[in-house]
Amino acid sequence: MTREQQLISAFVELADTLIDDFDVIDFLYGLTQRTVQLLGVTAAGVMLADQRGHLRPAAASTEEARLLELFEIQTDTGPCMDSYRSKSPVVNVDLRAAESRWPHFAAAAGAAGFSSAHALPLRLRDDTIGALNLFSAENTRLTEQDQRVGQALADTATIGILQHRGLRHAEILTDQLQAALNSRVVIEQAKGILAERGAIGVDEAFDTMRRHARRTHQRLSDLARAVTAGTADTTDLLTDSPGSRPTSSTESP
């Protein structure tokens, strides 16, 4: 598939916000995957603002990216925090030369195997609802064209979220995003349960759960709640993971 075809496919997928069973978390995870594919970075993550305007992790392409985003929040430093506050891109940051700018974050990113970072705001005019994090194992620089593509993906995702189901009022939008952020906690718990029962990594557990939700026409968040409540047949679910070795489908979490 050419890059042009990948771009078309990505924007068609982002248009899925118009369907009735739109799932915010699944949508944002797809955004991180598309961003990695199109920009050639190692990992990507999305952070959204909660009701108080504080960033919280919403989706990540890898567990390393998710943990690094949590570190950004805990230390209140990093490219995503700066991009969200300034409403501007933060790109082409050599993390080995960023110790004075973000000493704790730069060290944590290096320990996670990343050498460069970028962040793009999720914005529509003056309304910024989060930021898109990009991490690379190599000291990867985004060209102007790459930056335009990345920002276009971020802007399109923002528009989709803001316009989903006719959300025109800030209070309704905040409730929608808050519900998505809260469901992310349940999804993380379900990932851990599946990883333990299937003897697989947490990234594979999440991919398995997402694949099963789509195959059975369920919301990702609803499936995660069933897994954590012990009402989902995890043995059947884990058959979607080729590397799993399920131990039980009835154990309580």
C-alpha atoms as a PDB file:
ATOM      1  CA  MET A   1       0.000   0.000   0.000  1.00  0.00           C
ATOM      2  CA  THR A   2       1.390   3.404  -0.997  1.00  0.00           C
ATOM      3  CA  ARG A   3       1.553   6.278   1.471  1.00  0.00           C
ATOM      4  CA  GLU A   4      -1.250   8.008  -0.427  1.00  0.00           C
ATOM      5  CA  GLN A   5      -3.426   4.927  -0.022  1.00  0.00           C
ATOM      6  CA  GLN A   6      -2.504   4.746   3.672  1.00  0.00           C
ATOM      7  CA  LEU A   7      -3.514   8.388   4.106  1.00  0.00           C
ATOM      8  CA  ILE A   8      -6.855   7.815   2.414  1.00  0.00           C
ATOM      9  CA  SER A   9      -7.489   4.748   4.554  1.00  0.00           C
ATOM     10  CA  ALA A  10      -6.559   6.643   7.733  1.00  0.00           C
ATOM     11  CA  PHE A  11      -8.922   9.528   7.077  1.00  0.00           C
ATOM     12  CA  VAL A  12     -11.735   7.164   6.092  1.00  0.00           C
ATOM     13  CA  GLU A  13     -11.226   5.369   9.403  1.00  0.00           C
ATOM     14  CA  LEU A  14     -11.292   8.673  11.292  1.00  0.00           C
ATOM     15  CA  ALA A  15     -14.665   9.373   9.691  1.00  0.00           C
ATOM     16  CA  ASP A  16     -16.088   6.467  11.708  1.00  0.00           C
ATOM     17  CA  THR A  17     -17.099   8.996  14.365  1.00  0.00           C
ATOM     18  CA  LEU A  18     -20.285   9.419  12.339  1.00  0.00           C
ATOM     19  CA  ILE A  19     -21.561   5.912  13.104  1.00  0.00           C
ATOM     20  CA  ASP A  20     -23.986   5.227  15.959  1.00  0.00           C
ATOM     21  CA  ASP A  21     -21.811   2.823  17.968  1.00  0.00           C
ATOM     22  CA  PHE A  22     -18.758   5.091  18.012  1.00  0.00           C
ATOM     23  CA  ASP A  23     -16.288   4.038  20.727  1.00  0.00           C
ATOM     24  CA  VAL A  24     -13.940   6.866  21.761  1.00  0.00           C
ATOM     25  CA  ILE A  25     -11.179   4.662  23.197  1.00  0.00           C
ATOM     26  CA  ASP A  26     -11.137   2.283  20.234  1.00  0.00           C
ATOM     27  CA  PHE A  27     -11.112   5.287  17.897  1.00  0.00           C
ATOM     28  CA  LEU A  28      -8.141   6.886  19.673  1.00  0.00           C
ATOM     29  CA  TYR A  29      -6.202   3.625  19.725  1.00  0.00           C
ATOM     30  CA  GLY A  30      -6.720   3.434  15.955  1.00  0.00           C
ATOM     31  CA  LEU A  31      -5.383   6.982  15.702  1.00  0.00           C
ATOM     32  CA  THR A  32      -2.148   5.966  17.464  1.00  0.00           C
ATOM     33  CA  GLN A  33      -1.700   2.984  15.142  1.00  0.00           C
ATOM     34  CA  ARG A  34      -2.267   5.076  12.030  1.00  0.00           C
ATOM     35  CA  THR A  35       0.154   7.738  13.261  1.00  0.00           C
ATOM     36  CA  VAL A  36       2.918   5.168  13.817  1.00  0.00           C
ATOM     37  CA  GLN A  37       2.277   3.730  10.356  1.00  0.00           C
ATOM     38  CA  LEU A  38       2.246   7.051   8.499  1.00  0.00           C
ATOM     39  CA  LEU A  39       4.997   8.950  10.324  1.00  0.00           C
ATOM     40  CA  GLY A  40       7.450   6.107  10.892  1.00  0.00           C
ATOM     41  CA  VAL A  41       7.710   6.635  14.643  1.00  0.00           C
ATOM     42  CA  THR A  42       8.109   3.802  17.140  1.00  0.00           C
ATOM     43  CA  ALA A  43       5.105   4.521  19.336  1.00  0.00           C
ATOM     44  CA  ALA A  44       2.291   7.002  19.816  1.00  0.00           C
ATOM     45  CA  GLY A  45      -0.125   7.945  22.559  1.00  0.00           C
ATOM     46  CA  VAL A  46      -3.082  10.238  23.129  1.00  0.00           C
ATOM     47  CA  MET A  47      -3.829  12.233  26.254  1.00  0.00           C
ATOM     48  CA  LEU A  48      -7.174  13.968  26.798  1.00  0.00           C
ATOM     49  CA  ALA A  49      -8.128  16.705  29.228  1.00  0.00           C
ATOM     50  CA  ASP A  50     -10.525  15.781  32.031  1.00  0.00           C
ATOM     51  CA  GLN A  51     -13.232  17.986  33.556  1.00  0.00           C
ATOM     52  CA  ARG A  52     -10.625  20.065  35.381  1.00  0.00           C
ATOM     53  CA  GLY A  53      -8.424  20.536  32.337  1.00  0.00           C
ATOM     54  CA  HIS A  54      -5.802  18.040  33.534  1.00  0.00           C
ATOM     55  CA  LEU A  55      -4.353  15.634  30.982  1.00  0.00           C
ATOM     56  CA  ARG A  56      -4.972  11.914  31.406  1.00  0.00           C
ATOM     57  CA  PRO A  57      -3.815   9.012  29.199  1.00  0.00           C
ATOM     58  CA  ALA A  58      -6.540   7.805  26.836  1.00  0.00           C
ATOM     59  CA  ALA A  59      -4.801   5.468  24.359  1.00  0.00           C
ATOM     60  CA  ALA A  60      -1.304   4.281  23.425  1.00  0.00           C
ATOM     61  CA  SER A  61       0.118   2.030  20.738  1.00  0.00           C
ATOM     62  CA  THR A  62       2.484   0.264  23.175  1.00  0.00           C
ATOM     63  CA  GLU A  63       2.767  -0.294  26.907  1.00  0.00           C
ATOM     64  CA  GLU A  64       6.064   1.637  26.971  1.00  0.00           C
ATOM     65  CA  ALA A  65       4.348   4.690  25.515  1.00  0.00           C
ATOM     66  CA  ARG A  66       1.491   4.410  28.029  1.00  0.00           C
ATOM     67  CA  LEU A  67       3.864   4.216  30.985  1.00  0.00           C
ATOM     68  CA  LEU A  68       5.880   7.162  29.697  1.00  0.00           C
ATOM     69  CA  GLU A  69       2.714   9.237  29.384  1.00  0.00           C
ATOM     70  CA  LEU A  70       1.844   8.374  32.976  1.00  0.00           C
ATOM     71  CA  PHE A  71       5.306   9.608  33.942  1.00  0.00           C
ATOM     72  CA  GLU A  72       4.663  12.881  32.101  1.00  0.00           C
ATOM     73  CA  ILE A  73       1.513  13.391  34.137  1.00  0.00           C
ATOM     74  CA  GLN A  74       3.171  12.511  37.434  1.00  0.00           C
ATOM     75  CA  THR A  75       6.069  14.908  36.863  1.00  0.00           C
ATOM     76  CA  ASP A  76       3.999  17.522  34.988  1.00  0.00           C
ATOM     77  CA  THR A  77       6.724  17.793  32.321  1.00  0.00           C
ATOM     78  CA  GLY A  78       7.327  16.567  28.797  1.00  0.00           C
ATOM     79  CA  PRO A  79       6.449  17.350  25.190  1.00  0.00           C
ATOM     80  CA  CYS A  80       2.770  16.474  25.518  1.00  0.00           C
ATOM     81  CA  MET A  81       2.305  18.786  28.497  1.00  0.00           C
ATOM     82  CA  ASP A  82       4.049  21.642  26.679  1.00  0.00           C
ATOM     83  CA  SER A  83       2.073  21.096  23.473  1.00  0.00           C
ATOM     84  CA  TYR A  84      -1.253  21.029  25.316  1.00  0.00           C
ATOM     85  CA  ARG A  85      -0.504  24.199  27.284  1.00  0.00           C
ATOM     86  CA  SER A  86       0.894  26.149  24.338  1.00  0.00           C
ATOM     87  CA  LYS A  87      -1.662  24.748  21.853  1.00  0.00           C
ATOM     88  CA  SER A  88       1.295  24.353  19.480  1.00  0.00           C
ATOM     89  CA  PRO A  89       3.365  21.462  18.105  1.00  0.00           C
ATOM     90  CA  VAL A  90       6.537  20.408  19.891  1.00  0.00           C
ATOM     91  CA  VAL A  91       8.640  18.534  17.333  1.00  0.00           C
ATOM     92  CA  ASN A  92      12.074  17.108  16.631  1.00  0.00           C
ATOM     93  CA  VAL A  93      13.217  16.947  20.230  1.00  0.00           C
ATOM     94  CA  ASP A  94      16.481  15.056  20.734  1.00  0.00           C
ATOM     95  CA  LEU A  95      15.888  13.611  24.188  1.00  0.00           C
ATOM     96  CA  ARG A  96      19.616  13.216  24.821  1.00  0.00           C
ATOM     97  CA  ALA A  97      19.911  17.003  24.559  1.00  0.00           C
ATOM     98  CA  ALA A  98      16.719  17.755  26.505  1.00  0.00           C
ATOM     99  CA  GLU A  99      17.990  17.110  30.028  1.00  0.00           C
ATOM    100  CA  SER A 100      17.859  20.781  30.971  1.00  0.00           C
ATOM    101  CA  ARG A 101      14.347  21.161  29.529  1.00  0.00           C
ATOM    102  CA  TRP A 102      12.767  18.015  30.981  1.00  0.00           C
ATOM    103  CA  PRO A 103      15.415  16.314  33.149  1.00  0.00           C
ATOM    104  CA  HIS A 104      13.187  13.615  34.644  1.00  0.00           C
ATOM    105  CA  PHE A 105      11.212  12.929  31.489  1.00  0.00           C
ATOM    106  CA  ALA A 106      14.309  12.760  29.276  1.00  0.00           C
ATOM    107  CA  ALA A 107      15.875  10.189  31.595  1.00  0.00           C
ATOM    108  CA  ALA A 108      12.688   8.100  31.759  1.00  0.00           C
ATOM    109  CA  ALA A 109      12.247   8.213  27.972  1.00  0.00           C
ATOM    110  CA  GLY A 110      15.846   7.121  27.462  1.00  0.00           C
ATOM    111  CA  ALA A 111      15.366   4.242  29.885  1.00  0.00           C
ATOM    112  CA  ALA A 112      12.294   3.195  27.899  1.00  0.00           C
ATOM    113  CA  GLY A 113      14.394   3.052  24.725  1.00  0.00           C
ATOM    114  CA  PHE A 114      13.327   6.305  23.082  1.00  0.00           C
ATOM    115  CA  SER A 115      15.730   8.859  21.596  1.00  0.00           C
ATOM    116  CA  SER A 116      13.388  11.493  20.173  1.00  0.00           C
ATOM    117  CA  ALA A 117       9.910  12.814  20.833  1.00  0.00           C
ATOM    118  CA  HIS A 118       7.230  14.994  19.291  1.00  0.00           C
ATOM    119  CA  ALA A 119       3.794  16.195  20.406  1.00  0.00           C
ATOM    120  CA  LEU A 120       0.887  17.646  18.456  1.00  0.00           C
ATOM    121  CA  PRO A 121      -2.133  19.387  20.008  1.00  0.00           C
ATOM    122  CA  LEU A 122      -5.644  18.020  19.597  1.00  0.00           C
ATOM    123  CA  ARG A 123      -7.268  21.337  18.812  1.00  0.00           C
ATOM    124  CA  LEU A 124     -10.045  23.096  16.964  1.00  0.00           C
ATOM    125  CA  ARG A 125      -9.548  26.862  16.795  1.00  0.00           C
ATOM    126  CA  ASP A 126      -9.114  27.936  20.435  1.00  0.00           C
ATOM    127  CA  ASP A 127     -10.422  24.674  21.880  1.00  0.00           C
ATOM    128  CA  THR A 128      -7.643  22.205  22.818  1.00  0.00           C
ATOM    129  CA  ILE A 129      -8.843  18.900  24.264  1.00  0.00           C
ATOM    130  CA  GLY A 130      -5.554  17.010  24.505  1.00  0.00           C
ATOM    131  CA  ALA A 131      -2.371  16.112  22.659  1.00  0.00           C
ATOM    132  CA  LEU A 132      -0.841  13.385  20.518  1.00  0.00           C
ATOM    133  CA  ASN A 133       2.531  12.028  21.696  1.00  0.00           C
ATOM    134  CA  LEU A 134       5.060  10.533  19.269  1.00  0.00           C
ATOM    135  CA  PHE A 135       8.137   8.585  20.384  1.00  0.00           C
ATOM    136  CA  SER A 136      11.014   7.141  18.324  1.00  0.00           C
ATOM    137  CA  ALA A 137      13.792   4.731  19.207  1.00  0.00           C
ATOM    138  CA  GLU A 138      16.005   6.591  16.742  1.00  0.00           C
ATOM    139  CA  ASN A 139      16.634  10.319  16.630  1.00  0.00           C
ATOM    140  CA  THR A 140      13.900  10.687  14.026  1.00  0.00           C
ATOM    141  CA  ARG A 141      13.086  14.121  12.638  1.00  0.00           C
ATOM    142  CA  LEU A 142       9.678  14.949  11.212  1.00  0.00           C
ATOM    143  CA  THR A 143       9.768  16.795   7.916  1.00  0.00           C
ATOM    144  CA  GLU A 144       7.384  19.673   7.260  1.00  0.00           C
ATOM    145  CA  GLN A 145       5.217  17.271   5.284  1.00  0.00           C
ATOM    146  CA  ASP A 146       5.250  14.777   8.178  1.00  0.00           C
ATOM    147  CA  GLN A 147       4.201  17.532  10.572  1.00  0.00           C
ATOM    148  CA  ARG A 148       1.330  18.544   8.308  1.00  0.00           C
ATOM    149  CA  VAL A 149       0.156  14.936   8.057  1.00  0.00           C
ATOM    150  CA  GLY A 150       0.423  14.413  11.814  1.00  0.00           C
ATOM    151  CA  GLN A 151      -1.402  17.631  12.637  1.00  0.00           C
ATOM    152  CA  ALA A 152      -4.085  16.841  10.060  1.00  0.00           C
ATOM    153  CA  LEU A 153      -4.674  13.480  11.762  1.00  0.00           C
ATOM    154  CA  ALA A 154      -4.829  15.158  15.177  1.00  0.00           C
ATOM    155  CA  ASP A 155      -7.165  17.911  13.928  1.00  0.00           C
ATOM    156  CA  THR A 156      -9.469  15.450  12.185  1.00  0.00           C
ATOM    157  CA  ALA A 157      -9.661  13.319  15.315  1.00  0.00           C
ATOM    158  CA  THR A 158     -10.494  16.417  17.357  1.00  0.00           C
ATOM    159  CA  ILE A 159     -13.257  17.436  14.975  1.00  0.00           C
ATOM    160  CA  GLY A 160     -14.681  13.927  15.055  1.00  0.00           C
ATOM    161  CA  ILE A 161     -14.804  13.874  18.843  1.00  0.00           C
ATOM    162  CA  LEU A 162     -16.241  17.376  19.122  1.00  0.00           C
ATOM    163  CA  GLN A 163     -18.928  16.762  16.533  1.00  0.00           C
ATOM    164  CA  HIS A 164     -19.808  13.212  17.539  1.00  0.00           C
ATOM    165  CA  ARG A 165     -23.565  12.867  17.939  1.00  0.00           C
ATOM    166  CA  GLY A 166     -24.025  16.609  17.631  1.00  0.00           C
ATOM    167  CA  LEU A 167     -22.062  17.522  20.769  1.00  0.00           C
ATOM    168  CA  ARG A 168     -22.305  21.283  20.620  1.00  0.00           C
ATOM    169  CA  HIS A 169     -22.108  22.267  24.257  1.00  0.00           C
ATOM    170  CA  ALA A 170     -18.943  22.167  26.364  1.00  0.00           C
ATOM    171  CA  GLU A 171     -20.688  20.548  29.328  1.00  0.00           C
ATOM    172  CA  ILE A 172     -21.967  17.620  27.237  1.00  0.00           C
ATOM    173  CA  LEU A 173     -18.583  17.201  25.581  1.00  0.00           C
ATOM    174  CA  THR A 174     -16.833  17.159  28.955  1.00  0.00           C
ATOM    175  CA  ASP A 175     -19.155  14.431  30.217  1.00  0.00           C
ATOM    176  CA  GLN A 176     -18.500  12.364  27.079  1.00  0.00           C
ATOM    177  CA  LEU A 177     -14.731  12.653  27.380  1.00  0.00           C
ATOM    178  CA  GLN A 178     -14.848  12.000  31.126  1.00  0.00           C
ATOM    179  CA  ALA A 179     -16.782   8.788  30.535  1.00  0.00           C
ATOM    180  CA  ALA A 180     -14.162   7.712  27.992  1.00  0.00           C
ATOM    181  CA  LEU A 181     -11.337   8.445  30.406  1.00  0.00           C
ATOM    182  CA  ASN A 182     -13.082   6.524  33.188  1.00  0.00           C
ATOM    183  CA  SER A 183     -13.615   3.520  30.914  1.00  0.00           C
ATOM    184  CA  ARG A 184      -9.875   3.506  30.209  1.00  0.00           C
ATOM    185  CA  VAL A 185      -9.269   2.465  33.841  1.00  0.00           C
ATOM    186  CA  VAL A 186     -11.492  -0.595  33.360  1.00  0.00           C
ATOM    187  CA  ILE A 187      -9.742  -1.422  30.093  1.00  0.00           C
ATOM    188  CA  GLU A 188      -6.339  -1.359  31.833  1.00  0.00           C
ATOM    189  CA  GLN A 189      -7.663  -3.767  34.475  1.00  0.00           C
ATOM    190  CA  ALA A 190      -9.050  -6.093  31.811  1.00  0.00           C
ATOM    191  CA  LYS A 191      -5.723  -6.027  29.946  1.00  0.00           C
ATOM    192  CA  GLY A 192      -3.968  -7.225  33.085  1.00  0.00           C
ATOM    193  CA  ILE A 193      -6.463 -10.032  33.629  1.00  0.00           C
ATOM    194  CA  LEU A 194      -6.143 -11.293  30.057  1.00  0.00           C
ATOM    195  CA  ALA A 195      -2.362 -10.997  30.095  1.00  0.00           C
ATOM    196  CA  GLU A 196      -2.165 -13.145  33.231  1.00  0.00           C
ATOM    197  CA  ARG A 197      -4.696 -15.748  32.115  1.00  0.00           C
ATOM    198  CA  GLY A 198      -3.320 -16.028  28.597  1.00  0.00           C
ATOM    199  CA  ALA A 199       0.362 -15.771  29.571  1.00  0.00           C
ATOM    200  CA  ILE A 200       0.785 -12.979  27.033  1.00  0.00           C
ATOM    201  CA  GLY A 201       2.048  -9.379  27.071  1.00  0.00           C
ATOM    202  CA  VAL A 202      -0.302  -6.521  27.918  1.00  0.00           C
ATOM    203  CA  ASP A 203      -0.041  -5.078  24.397  1.00  0.00           C
ATOM    204  CA  GLU A 204      -1.119  -8.404  22.906  1.00  0.00           C
ATOM    205  CA  ALA A 205      -3.879  -8.651  25.515  1.00  0.00           C
ATOM    206  CA  PHE A 206      -5.257  -5.298  24.439  1.00  0.00           C
ATOM    207  CA  ASP A 207      -5.054  -6.176  20.736  1.00  0.00           C
ATOM    208  CA  THR A 208      -6.842  -9.448  21.493  1.00  0.00           C
ATOM    209  CA  MET A 209      -9.612  -7.710  23.407  1.00  0.00           C
ATOM    210  CA  ARG A 210     -10.060  -5.065  20.711  1.00  0.00           C
ATOM    211  CA  ARG A 211     -10.146  -7.717  17.972  1.00  0.00           C
ATOM    212  CA  HIS A 212     -12.695  -9.807  19.893  1.00  0.00           C
ATOM    213  CA  ALA A 213     -14.885  -6.761  20.566  1.00  0.00           C
ATOM    214  CA  ARG A 214     -15.016  -5.968  16.862  1.00  0.00           C
ATOM    215  CA  ARG A 215     -15.622  -9.589  15.859  1.00  0.00           C
ATOM    216  CA  THR A 216     -18.527  -9.921  18.308  1.00  0.00           C
ATOM    217  CA  HIS A 217     -19.858  -6.386  17.688  1.00  0.00           C
ATOM    218  CA  GLN A 218     -19.334  -5.176  21.254  1.00  0.00           C
ATOM    219  CA  ARG A 219     -18.071  -1.907  22.622  1.00  0.00           C
ATOM    220  CA  LEU A 220     -14.503  -2.253  23.837  1.00  0.00           C
ATOM    221  CA  SER A 221     -15.400  -0.683  27.181  1.00  0.00           C
ATOM    222  CA  ASP A 222     -18.382  -3.043  27.647  1.00  0.00           C
ATOM    223  CA  LEU A 223     -16.217  -6.091  26.953  1.00  0.00           C
ATOM    224  CA  ALA A 224     -13.587  -4.816  29.405  1.00  0.00           C
ATOM    225  CA  ARG A 225     -16.237  -4.452  32.123  1.00  0.00           C
ATOM    226  CA  ALA A 226     -17.402  -8.021  31.470  1.00  0.00           C
ATOM    227  CA  VAL A 227     -13.821  -9.291  31.786  1.00  0.00           C
ATOM    228  CA  THR A 228     -13.228  -7.479  35.076  1.00  0.00           C
ATOM    229  CA  ALA A 229     -16.632  -8.602  36.421  1.00  0.00           C
ATOM    230  CA  GLY A 230     -15.867 -12.223  35.547  1.00  0.00           C
ATOM    231  CA  THR A 231     -18.894 -12.554  33.242  1.00  0.00           C
ATOM    232  CA  ALA A 232     -16.921 -12.839  29.991  1.00  0.00           C
ATOM    233  CA  ASP A 233     -15.673 -16.190  28.706  1.00  0.00           C
ATOM    234  CA  THR A 234     -11.978 -15.353  28.637  1.00  0.00           C
ATOM    235  CA  THR A 235     -11.088 -18.772  27.225  1.00  0.00           C
ATOM    236  CA  ASP A 236     -13.125 -18.006  24.107  1.00  0.00           C
ATOM    237  CA  LEU A 237     -11.820 -14.457  24.031  1.00  0.00           C
ATOM    238  CA  LEU A 238      -8.205 -15.572  24.174  1.00  0.00           C
ATOM    239  CA  THR A 239      -8.618 -17.793  21.124  1.00  0.00           C
ATOM    240  CA  ASP A 240      -8.223 -14.525  19.192  1.00  0.00           C
ATOM    241  CA  SER A 241      -4.628 -14.411  20.466  1.00  0.00           C
ATOM    242  CA  PRO A 242      -2.353 -16.941  18.710  1.00  0.00           C
ATOM    243  CA  GLY A 243       0.281 -16.805  21.445  1.00  0.00           C
ATOM    244  CA  SER A 244      -1.987 -17.267  24.465  1.00  0.00           C
ATOM    245  CA  ARG A 245      -2.305 -20.192  26.826  1.00  0.00           C
ATOM    246  CA  PRO A 246      -5.610 -19.554  28.651  1.00  0.00           C
ATOM    247  CA  THR A 247      -5.759 -21.001  32.154  1.00  0.00           C
ATOM    248  CA  SER A 248      -9.371 -20.412  33.116  1.00  0.00           C
ATOM    249  CA  SER A 249     -12.505 -18.603  31.998  1.00  0.00           C
ATOM    250  CA  THR A 250     -14.283 -18.526  35.345  1.00  0.00           C
ATOM    251  CA  GLU A 251     -11.723 -17.200  37.776  1.00  0.00           C
ATOM    252  CA  SER A 252     -12.733 -13.919  39.404  1.00  0.00           C
ATOM    253  CA  PRO A 253     -10.248 -11.069  38.807  1.00  0.00           C
END
